[in-house]
């Protein structure tokens, strides 16, 4: 069985959970569960991007609760049905800008993707240890910023509301965020709850930078902050489903865990 040799797109969506919380935990999707492709946004915006994101922060616990969190760890499992792959995943994130995902694939081995705030690296049994550079590295560094939802204006100087559209069975506000350098990121906020339920963004995959659709569900309260326990990403090789079994905040994480390992 062949497995992807480069970074899997488990990347933290805007700091919600580095799986994302990328990840990456992404970080943090079976074909049968893939949501319907959204139609074009049509409604004329009657809210600003600032208002929508402020409501999302409040819905997910509030600014004060988020600011108390300085690290996050998570564990769970994943499936990649199209490739017959499954295994376990561990996600680590720490302020201000560190992230790590450790994916253990049955029959293949361990895939590690890390960012220490500057260096972005990946290690797997097929390609060994590699360092990411250029736009791909910039994408990972940006998504590794902890509590990114509180700092979005610093990272995305331009924000446009594209209206509402269907995402699966529910309506969502569509907000396009554009960084100073790089491609825009599209966020989907549930029109009723204002929780972040989706993101379309360029992420590093085995084909290079590819637009990856991430969908977030099963939000649960962890220390006053809502965390998505189901993360679905549509990748070139199929749908990746991550299901978390636990998430913890403010755990001690040594900075050395995020550093690029010494070459063997």
C-alpha atoms as a PDB file:
ATOM      1  CA  UNK A   1       0.000   0.000   0.000  1.00  0.00           C
ATOM      2  CA  UNK A   2       1.381   3.438  -0.911  1.00  0.00           C
ATOM      3  CA  UNK A   3       1.201   6.343   1.518  1.00  0.00           C
ATOM      4  CA  UNK A   4       1.865  10.045   0.946  1.00  0.00           C
ATOM      5  CA  UNK A   5       5.516  10.805   1.468  1.00  0.00           C
ATOM      6  CA  UNK A   6       5.209  14.497   2.231  1.00  0.00           C
ATOM      7  CA  UNK A   7       3.345  16.568   4.757  1.00  0.00           C
ATOM      8  CA  UNK A   8      -0.285  15.587   5.204  1.00  0.00           C
ATOM      9  CA  UNK A   9      -2.516  18.641   5.408  1.00  0.00           C
ATOM     10  CA  UNK A  10      -3.385  18.261   9.083  1.00  0.00           C
ATOM     11  CA  UNK A  11      -2.947  21.948   9.767  1.00  0.00           C
ATOM     12  CA  UNK A  12      -4.443  24.256  12.348  1.00  0.00           C
ATOM     13  CA  UNK A  13      -7.413  26.212  10.981  1.00  0.00           C
ATOM     14  CA  UNK A  14      -6.862  29.682  12.349  1.00  0.00           C
ATOM     15  CA  UNK A  15      -5.779  28.489  15.705  1.00  0.00           C
ATOM     16  CA  UNK A  16      -9.044  26.774  16.590  1.00  0.00           C
ATOM     17  CA  UNK A  17      -7.096  23.611  17.169  1.00  0.00           C
ATOM     18  CA  UNK A  18      -3.536  23.104  16.142  1.00  0.00           C
ATOM     19  CA  UNK A  19      -3.819  19.851  14.232  1.00  0.00           C
ATOM     20  CA  UNK A  20      -5.327  23.564  14.338  1.00  0.00           C
ATOM     21  CA  UNK A  21      -6.187  23.932  16.244  1.00  0.00           C
ATOM     22  CA  UNK A  22      -3.414  22.809  12.654  1.00  0.00           C
ATOM     23  CA  UNK A  23      -3.765  22.175  12.541  1.00  0.00           C
ATOM     24  CA  UNK A  24      -2.797  20.806  12.966  1.00  0.00           C
ATOM     25  CA  UNK A  25      -3.426  19.486  14.369  1.00  0.00           C
ATOM     26  CA  UNK A  26      -3.980  20.572   9.758  1.00  0.00           C
ATOM     27  CA  UNK A  27      -3.767  18.258  12.072  1.00  0.00           C
ATOM     28  CA  UNK A  28      -6.852  18.754  13.324  1.00  0.00           C
ATOM     29  CA  UNK A  29     -12.397  12.433   7.054  1.00  0.00           C
ATOM     30  CA  UNK A  30     -14.166   9.516   5.461  1.00  0.00           C
ATOM     31  CA  UNK A  31     -15.486   9.910   1.897  1.00  0.00           C
ATOM     32  CA  UNK A  32     -18.999   8.984   2.963  1.00  0.00           C
ATOM     33  CA  UNK A  33     -18.999  11.846   5.458  1.00  0.00           C
ATOM     34  CA  UNK A  34     -17.742  14.488   3.048  1.00  0.00           C
ATOM     35  CA  UNK A  35     -20.060  17.523   3.021  1.00  0.00           C
ATOM     36  CA  UNK A  36     -21.796  18.679  -0.130  1.00  0.00           C
ATOM     37  CA  UNK A  37     -19.816  21.223  -2.102  1.00  0.00           C
ATOM     38  CA  UNK A  38     -21.022  24.698  -1.145  1.00  0.00           C
ATOM     39  CA  UNK A  39     -22.828  26.809  -3.691  1.00  0.00           C
ATOM     40  CA  UNK A  40     -21.914  30.422  -4.451  1.00  0.00           C
ATOM     41  CA  UNK A  41     -22.487  33.006  -1.720  1.00  0.00           C
ATOM     42  CA  UNK A  42     -25.368  35.269  -2.709  1.00  0.00           C
ATOM     43  CA  UNK A  43     -26.758  37.224   0.241  1.00  0.00           C
ATOM     44  CA  UNK A  44     -25.732  40.852   0.538  1.00  0.00           C
ATOM     45  CA  UNK A  45     -23.619  41.205   3.679  1.00  0.00           C
ATOM     46  CA  UNK A  46     -25.354  42.930   6.589  1.00  0.00           C
ATOM     47  CA  UNK A  47     -22.502  42.231   9.003  1.00  0.00           C
ATOM     48  CA  UNK A  48     -18.837  43.167   8.854  1.00  0.00           C
ATOM     49  CA  UNK A  49     -15.979  40.688   9.142  1.00  0.00           C
ATOM     50  CA  UNK A  50     -15.098  42.197  12.520  1.00  0.00           C
ATOM     51  CA  UNK A  51     -18.637  41.632  13.813  1.00  0.00           C
ATOM     52  CA  UNK A  52     -18.771  38.038  12.578  1.00  0.00           C
ATOM     53  CA  UNK A  53     -15.381  37.104  14.027  1.00  0.00           C
ATOM     54  CA  UNK A  54     -16.161  38.852  17.316  1.00  0.00           C
ATOM     55  CA  UNK A  55     -19.365  36.798  17.566  1.00  0.00           C
ATOM     56  CA  UNK A  56     -17.398  33.644  16.768  1.00  0.00           C
ATOM     57  CA  UNK A  57     -14.905  34.368  19.560  1.00  0.00           C
ATOM     58  CA  UNK A  58     -17.782  34.926  21.976  1.00  0.00           C
ATOM     59  CA  UNK A  59     -19.577  31.759  20.826  1.00  0.00           C
ATOM     60  CA  UNK A  60     -16.452  29.650  21.349  1.00  0.00           C
ATOM     61  CA  UNK A  61     -15.948  30.824  24.922  1.00  0.00           C
ATOM     62  CA  UNK A  62     -15.107  34.505  24.841  1.00  0.00           C
ATOM     63  CA  UNK A  63     -11.874  36.461  24.577  1.00  0.00           C
ATOM     64  CA  UNK A  64     -11.017  36.166  28.283  1.00  0.00           C
ATOM     65  CA  UNK A  65     -11.302  32.358  28.242  1.00  0.00           C
ATOM     66  CA  UNK A  66      -9.163  32.080  25.089  1.00  0.00           C
ATOM     67  CA  UNK A  67      -6.498  34.366  26.546  1.00  0.00           C
ATOM     68  CA  UNK A  68      -6.102  32.035  29.546  1.00  0.00           C
ATOM     69  CA  UNK A  69      -5.067  29.199  27.231  1.00  0.00           C
ATOM     70  CA  UNK A  70      -1.381  29.158  26.298  1.00  0.00           C
ATOM     71  CA  UNK A  71      -0.968  25.573  25.131  1.00  0.00           C
ATOM     72  CA  UNK A  72      -3.099  22.719  23.834  1.00  0.00           C
ATOM     73  CA  UNK A  73      -2.552  18.993  23.447  1.00  0.00           C
ATOM     74  CA  UNK A  74      -4.931  16.570  21.775  1.00  0.00           C
ATOM     75  CA  UNK A  75      -5.076  12.870  20.968  1.00  0.00           C
ATOM     76  CA  UNK A  76      -7.294  10.891  18.661  1.00  0.00           C
ATOM     77  CA  UNK A  77      -7.527   8.680  15.607  1.00  0.00           C
ATOM     78  CA  UNK A  78      -7.755   9.212  11.861  1.00  0.00           C
ATOM     79  CA  UNK A  79      -8.947   7.419   8.767  1.00  0.00           C
ATOM     80  CA  UNK A  80      -8.061   8.008   5.123  1.00  0.00           C
ATOM     81  CA  UNK A  81     -10.517   5.621   3.492  1.00  0.00           C
ATOM     82  CA  UNK A  82      -9.421   6.181  -0.097  1.00  0.00           C
ATOM     83  CA  UNK A  83      -5.969   4.805   0.746  1.00  0.00           C
ATOM     84  CA  UNK A  84      -7.073   2.264   3.328  1.00  0.00           C
ATOM     85  CA  UNK A  85      -5.061   4.131   5.948  1.00  0.00           C
ATOM     86  CA  UNK A  86      -5.833   4.580   9.630  1.00  0.00           C
ATOM     87  CA  UNK A  87      -3.992   5.178  12.858  1.00  0.00           C
ATOM     88  CA  UNK A  88      -3.508   7.548  15.763  1.00  0.00           C
ATOM     89  CA  UNK A  89      -2.712  11.239  15.972  1.00  0.00           C
ATOM     90  CA  UNK A  90      -1.242  13.499  18.630  1.00  0.00           C
ATOM     91  CA  UNK A  91      -1.331  17.290  18.375  1.00  0.00           C
ATOM     92  CA  UNK A  92       0.720  19.828  20.325  1.00  0.00           C
ATOM     93  CA  UNK A  93       0.476  23.623  20.187  1.00  0.00           C
ATOM     94  CA  UNK A  94       2.071  26.315  22.292  1.00  0.00           C
ATOM     95  CA  UNK A  95       2.054  30.105  22.348  1.00  0.00           C
ATOM     96  CA  UNK A  96       3.194  32.085  20.623  1.00  0.00           C
ATOM     97  CA  UNK A  97       3.712  30.124  17.407  1.00  0.00           C
ATOM     98  CA  UNK A  98       4.697  26.474  17.860  1.00  0.00           C
ATOM     99  CA  UNK A  99       2.893  23.393  16.527  1.00  0.00           C
ATOM    100  CA  UNK A 100       3.514  19.677  16.098  1.00  0.00           C
ATOM    101  CA  UNK A 101       1.462  16.762  14.816  1.00  0.00           C
ATOM    102  CA  UNK A 102       2.541  13.141  15.234  1.00  0.00           C
ATOM    103  CA  UNK A 103       0.668  10.680  13.010  1.00  0.00           C
ATOM    104  CA  UNK A 104       1.183   6.943  13.461  1.00  0.00           C
ATOM    105  CA  UNK A 105       0.027   5.099  10.349  1.00  0.00           C
ATOM    106  CA  UNK A 106      -0.618   1.380  10.634  1.00  0.00           C
ATOM    107  CA  UNK A 107       1.760  -0.528   8.366  1.00  0.00           C
ATOM    108  CA  UNK A 108       3.810   2.563   7.488  1.00  0.00           C
ATOM    109  CA  UNK A 109       5.232   4.258  10.549  1.00  0.00           C
ATOM    110  CA  UNK A 110       5.294   7.684  12.141  1.00  0.00           C
ATOM    111  CA  UNK A 111       4.828  11.009  10.336  1.00  0.00           C
ATOM    112  CA  UNK A 112       5.879  14.129  12.228  1.00  0.00           C
ATOM    113  CA  UNK A 113       5.207  17.725  11.127  1.00  0.00           C
ATOM    114  CA  UNK A 114       6.566  20.560  13.256  1.00  0.00           C
ATOM    115  CA  UNK A 115       7.061  24.303  13.475  1.00  0.00           C
ATOM    116  CA  UNK A 116       9.178  25.956  16.181  1.00  0.00           C
ATOM    117  CA  UNK A 117       8.051  29.418  15.141  1.00  0.00           C
ATOM    118  CA  UNK A 118      10.741  29.772  12.483  1.00  0.00           C
ATOM    119  CA  UNK A 119      11.759  26.398  11.076  1.00  0.00           C
ATOM    120  CA  UNK A 120       9.046  24.223   9.477  1.00  0.00           C
ATOM    121  CA  UNK A 121       9.991  20.573   9.147  1.00  0.00           C
ATOM    122  CA  UNK A 122       8.590  17.129   8.372  1.00  0.00           C
ATOM    123  CA  UNK A 123       9.847  13.618   9.021  1.00  0.00           C
ATOM    124  CA  UNK A 124       8.508  10.307   7.731  1.00  0.00           C
ATOM    125  CA  UNK A 125       9.818   6.813   6.949  1.00  0.00           C
ATOM    126  CA  UNK A 126       9.718   7.387   3.192  1.00  0.00           C
ATOM    127  CA  UNK A 127      11.554  10.699   2.802  1.00  0.00           C
ATOM    128  CA  UNK A 128      13.305  11.056   6.126  1.00  0.00           C
ATOM    129  CA  UNK A 129      13.797  14.526   7.602  1.00  0.00           C
ATOM    130  CA  UNK A 130      13.065  17.550   5.404  1.00  0.00           C
ATOM    131  CA  UNK A 131      12.742  21.301   5.939  1.00  0.00           C
ATOM    132  CA  UNK A 132      10.005  23.327   4.296  1.00  0.00           C
ATOM    133  CA  UNK A 133      10.740  26.710   2.728  1.00  0.00           C
ATOM    134  CA  UNK A 134       9.044  29.504   0.779  1.00  0.00           C
ATOM    135  CA  UNK A 135       5.299  29.998   0.618  1.00  0.00           C
ATOM    136  CA  UNK A 136       4.534  26.533   1.995  1.00  0.00           C
ATOM    137  CA  UNK A 137       6.551  27.281   5.142  1.00  0.00           C
ATOM    138  CA  UNK A 138       4.893  30.690   5.477  1.00  0.00           C
ATOM    139  CA  UNK A 139       1.457  29.039   5.420  1.00  0.00           C
ATOM    140  CA  UNK A 140       2.430  26.685   8.257  1.00  0.00           C
ATOM    141  CA  UNK A 141       4.030  29.467  10.334  1.00  0.00           C
ATOM    142  CA  UNK A 142       0.900  31.589  10.006  1.00  0.00           C
ATOM    143  CA  UNK A 143      -1.431  28.732  10.931  1.00  0.00           C
ATOM    144  CA  UNK A 144       0.798  27.838  13.903  1.00  0.00           C
ATOM    145  CA  UNK A 145       0.174  31.179  15.627  1.00  0.00           C
ATOM    146  CA  UNK A 146      -1.595  30.284  18.864  1.00  0.00           C
ATOM    147  CA  UNK A 147      -5.048  31.829  19.435  1.00  0.00           C
ATOM    148  CA  UNK A 148      -4.913  33.182  15.902  1.00  0.00           C
ATOM    149  CA  UNK A 149      -8.602  34.045  16.065  1.00  0.00           C
ATOM    150  CA  UNK A 150      -7.710  36.764  18.602  1.00  0.00           C
ATOM    151  CA  UNK A 151      -4.917  38.159  16.387  1.00  0.00           C
ATOM    152  CA  UNK A 152      -6.505  37.852  12.964  1.00  0.00           C
ATOM    153  CA  UNK A 153      -6.118  41.538  12.077  1.00  0.00           C
ATOM    154  CA  UNK A 154      -2.347  41.281  12.551  1.00  0.00           C
ATOM    155  CA  UNK A 155      -2.169  38.273  10.230  1.00  0.00           C
ATOM    156  CA  UNK A 156      -4.836  39.211   7.685  1.00  0.00           C
ATOM    157  CA  UNK A 157      -4.898  42.951   6.871  1.00  0.00           C
ATOM    158  CA  UNK A 158      -7.800  42.489   4.452  1.00  0.00           C
ATOM    159  CA  UNK A 159     -11.131  40.836   5.301  1.00  0.00           C
ATOM    160  CA  UNK A 160     -14.199  40.672   3.044  1.00  0.00           C
ATOM    161  CA  UNK A 161     -17.643  39.271   3.826  1.00  0.00           C
ATOM    162  CA  UNK A 162     -18.910  37.355   0.798  1.00  0.00           C
ATOM    163  CA  UNK A 163     -22.418  36.804   2.153  1.00  0.00           C
ATOM    164  CA  UNK A 164     -24.063  33.566   3.258  1.00  0.00           C
ATOM    165  CA  UNK A 165     -24.138  30.165   1.602  1.00  0.00           C
ATOM    166  CA  UNK A 166     -25.057  26.589   2.394  1.00  0.00           C
ATOM    167  CA  UNK A 167     -22.373  24.454   3.979  1.00  0.00           C
ATOM    168  CA  UNK A 168     -23.813  20.985   4.228  1.00  0.00           C
ATOM    169  CA  UNK A 169     -27.311  21.394   5.687  1.00  0.00           C
ATOM    170  CA  UNK A 170     -26.706  24.747   7.384  1.00  0.00           C
ATOM    171  CA  UNK A 171     -26.167  28.330   6.315  1.00  0.00           C
ATOM    172  CA  UNK A 172     -22.822  29.923   6.976  1.00  0.00           C
ATOM    173  CA  UNK A 173     -21.320  33.371   6.752  1.00  0.00           C
ATOM    174  CA  UNK A 174     -18.416  33.411   4.285  1.00  0.00           C
ATOM    175  CA  UNK A 175     -15.422  35.596   5.182  1.00  0.00           C
ATOM    176  CA  UNK A 176     -12.349  35.853   2.955  1.00  0.00           C
ATOM    177  CA  UNK A 177      -9.151  36.734   4.816  1.00  0.00           C
ATOM    178  CA  UNK A 178      -6.117  37.898   2.850  1.00  0.00           C
ATOM    179  CA  UNK A 179      -2.609  37.894   4.378  1.00  0.00           C
ATOM    180  CA  UNK A 180       0.008  40.492   3.508  1.00  0.00           C
ATOM    181  CA  UNK A 181       1.765  37.777   1.501  1.00  0.00           C
ATOM    182  CA  UNK A 182       0.159  34.635   0.148  1.00  0.00           C
ATOM    183  CA  UNK A 183      -3.228  33.389  -0.960  1.00  0.00           C
ATOM    184  CA  UNK A 184      -6.555  34.265   0.720  1.00  0.00           C
ATOM    185  CA  UNK A 185      -8.159  31.956   3.268  1.00  0.00           C
ATOM    186  CA  UNK A 186     -11.936  31.478   3.303  1.00  0.00           C
ATOM    187  CA  UNK A 187     -13.705  30.930   6.619  1.00  0.00           C
ATOM    188  CA  UNK A 188     -17.249  29.667   7.125  1.00  0.00           C
ATOM    189  CA  UNK A 189     -19.103  30.654  10.302  1.00  0.00           C
ATOM    190  CA  UNK A 190     -22.396  28.998  11.199  1.00  0.00           C
ATOM    191  CA  UNK A 191     -25.088  31.641  10.650  1.00  0.00           C
ATOM    192  CA  UNK A 192     -26.851  30.723  13.911  1.00  0.00           C
ATOM    193  CA  UNK A 193     -24.121  29.659  16.343  1.00  0.00           C
ATOM    194  CA  UNK A 194     -21.272  31.688  14.761  1.00  0.00           C
ATOM    195  CA  UNK A 195     -18.865  28.837  15.444  1.00  0.00           C
ATOM    196  CA  UNK A 196     -16.190  28.340  12.797  1.00  0.00           C
ATOM    197  CA  UNK A 197     -17.387  25.328  10.802  1.00  0.00           C
ATOM    198  CA  UNK A 198     -15.135  25.401   7.760  1.00  0.00           C
ATOM    199  CA  UNK A 199     -12.019  26.744   6.112  1.00  0.00           C
ATOM    200  CA  UNK A 200     -10.698  26.626   2.547  1.00  0.00           C
ATOM    201  CA  UNK A 201      -6.982  27.352   2.401  1.00  0.00           C
ATOM    202  CA  UNK A 202      -3.765  26.539   0.593  1.00  0.00           C
ATOM    203  CA  UNK A 203      -1.866  23.891   2.543  1.00  0.00           C
ATOM    204  CA  UNK A 204       1.252  21.825   1.906  1.00  0.00           C
ATOM    205  CA  UNK A 205       0.380  18.370   0.517  1.00  0.00           C
ATOM    206  CA  UNK A 206       2.249  15.700  -1.447  1.00  0.00           C
ATOM    207  CA  UNK A 207       1.322  17.650  -4.616  1.00  0.00           C
ATOM    208  CA  UNK A 208       2.701  20.909  -3.208  1.00  0.00           C
ATOM    209  CA  UNK A 209       0.468  23.803  -2.131  1.00  0.00           C
ATOM    210  CA  UNK A 210      -3.117  22.702  -2.697  1.00  0.00           C
ATOM    211  CA  UNK A 211      -6.445  24.199  -1.665  1.00  0.00           C
ATOM    212  CA  UNK A 212      -7.737  21.995   1.142  1.00  0.00           C
ATOM    213  CA  UNK A 213     -11.308  22.153   2.452  1.00  0.00           C
ATOM    214  CA  UNK A 214     -11.449  21.681   6.227  1.00  0.00           C
ATOM    215  CA  UNK A 215     -14.750  21.140   8.059  1.00  0.00           C
ATOM    216  CA  UNK A 216     -15.104  21.361  11.845  1.00  0.00           C
ATOM    217  CA  UNK A 217     -17.795  19.667  13.935  1.00  0.00           C
ATOM    218  CA  UNK A 218     -18.640  18.149  17.320  1.00  0.00           C
ATOM    219  CA  UNK A 219     -17.594  21.169  19.373  1.00  0.00           C
ATOM    220  CA  UNK A 220     -17.049  20.394  23.062  1.00  0.00           C
ATOM    221  CA  UNK A 221     -16.254  22.596  26.025  1.00  0.00           C
ATOM    222  CA  UNK A 222     -12.679  22.290  27.289  1.00  0.00           C
ATOM    223  CA  UNK A 223     -11.873  24.663  30.170  1.00  0.00           C
ATOM    224  CA  UNK A 224     -14.466  27.153  28.963  1.00  0.00           C
ATOM    225  CA  UNK A 225     -13.290  27.086  25.315  1.00  0.00           C
ATOM    226  CA  UNK A 226     -15.156  25.182  22.614  1.00  0.00           C
ATOM    227  CA  UNK A 227     -12.919  22.801  20.653  1.00  0.00           C
ATOM    228  CA  UNK A 228     -13.950  20.819  17.529  1.00  0.00           C
ATOM    229  CA  UNK A 229     -13.503  17.084  18.144  1.00  0.00           C
ATOM    230  CA  UNK A 230     -14.138  16.136  14.513  1.00  0.00           C
ATOM    231  CA  UNK A 231     -11.992  17.611  11.729  1.00  0.00           C
ATOM    232  CA  UNK A 232     -12.535  16.636   8.110  1.00  0.00           C
ATOM    233  CA  UNK A 233     -10.106  17.596   5.352  1.00  0.00           C
ATOM    234  CA  UNK A 234     -10.566  16.925   1.648  1.00  0.00           C
ATOM    235  CA  UNK A 235      -7.122  16.141   0.220  1.00  0.00           C
ATOM    236  CA  UNK A 236      -5.958  15.188  -3.275  1.00  0.00           C
ATOM    237  CA  UNK A 237      -5.660  11.546  -2.150  1.00  0.00           C
ATOM    238  CA  UNK A 238      -9.082  11.465  -0.458  1.00  0.00           C
ATOM    239  CA  UNK A 239     -10.928  12.600   2.644  1.00  0.00           C
ATOM    240  CA  UNK A 240      -9.069  12.567   5.947  1.00  0.00           C
ATOM    241  CA  UNK A 241     -11.216  12.268   9.093  1.00  0.00           C
ATOM    242  CA  UNK A 242      -9.694  13.069  12.467  1.00  0.00           C
ATOM    243  CA  UNK A 243     -11.705  12.204  15.590  1.00  0.00           C
ATOM    244  CA  UNK A 244     -10.271  13.478  18.855  1.00  0.00           C
ATOM    245  CA  UNK A 245     -10.625  11.480  22.055  1.00  0.00           C
ATOM    246  CA  UNK A 246      -9.226  14.188  24.316  1.00  0.00           C
ATOM    247  CA  UNK A 247      -8.013  17.780  24.355  1.00  0.00           C
ATOM    248  CA  UNK A 248      -6.196  19.464  27.231  1.00  0.00           C
ATOM    249  CA  UNK A 249      -5.100  23.040  27.886  1.00  0.00           C
ATOM    250  CA  UNK A 250      -2.109  24.626  29.574  1.00  0.00           C
ATOM    251  CA  UNK A 251      -0.073  21.434  29.754  1.00  0.00           C
ATOM    252  CA  UNK A 252       3.696  21.761  30.163  1.00  0.00           C
ATOM    253  CA  UNK A 253       5.293  21.303  26.728  1.00  0.00           C
ATOM    254  CA  UNK A 254       9.051  21.605  26.332  1.00  0.00           C
ATOM    255  CA  UNK A 255      10.041  23.896  23.439  1.00  0.00           C
ATOM    256  CA  UNK A 256      12.456  21.167  22.336  1.00  0.00           C
ATOM    257  CA  UNK A 257       9.488  19.048  21.239  1.00  0.00           C
ATOM    258  CA  UNK A 258       8.824  21.475  18.360  1.00  0.00           C
ATOM    259  CA  UNK A 259      12.433  21.805  17.192  1.00  0.00           C
ATOM    260  CA  UNK A 260      13.651  20.143  14.024  1.00  0.00           C
ATOM    261  CA  UNK A 261      15.341  16.854  15.022  1.00  0.00           C
ATOM    262  CA  UNK A 262      19.017  16.256  14.405  1.00  0.00           C
ATOM    263  CA  UNK A 263      19.678  14.450  11.123  1.00  0.00           C
ATOM    264  CA  UNK A 264      20.321  10.753  11.664  1.00  0.00           C
END
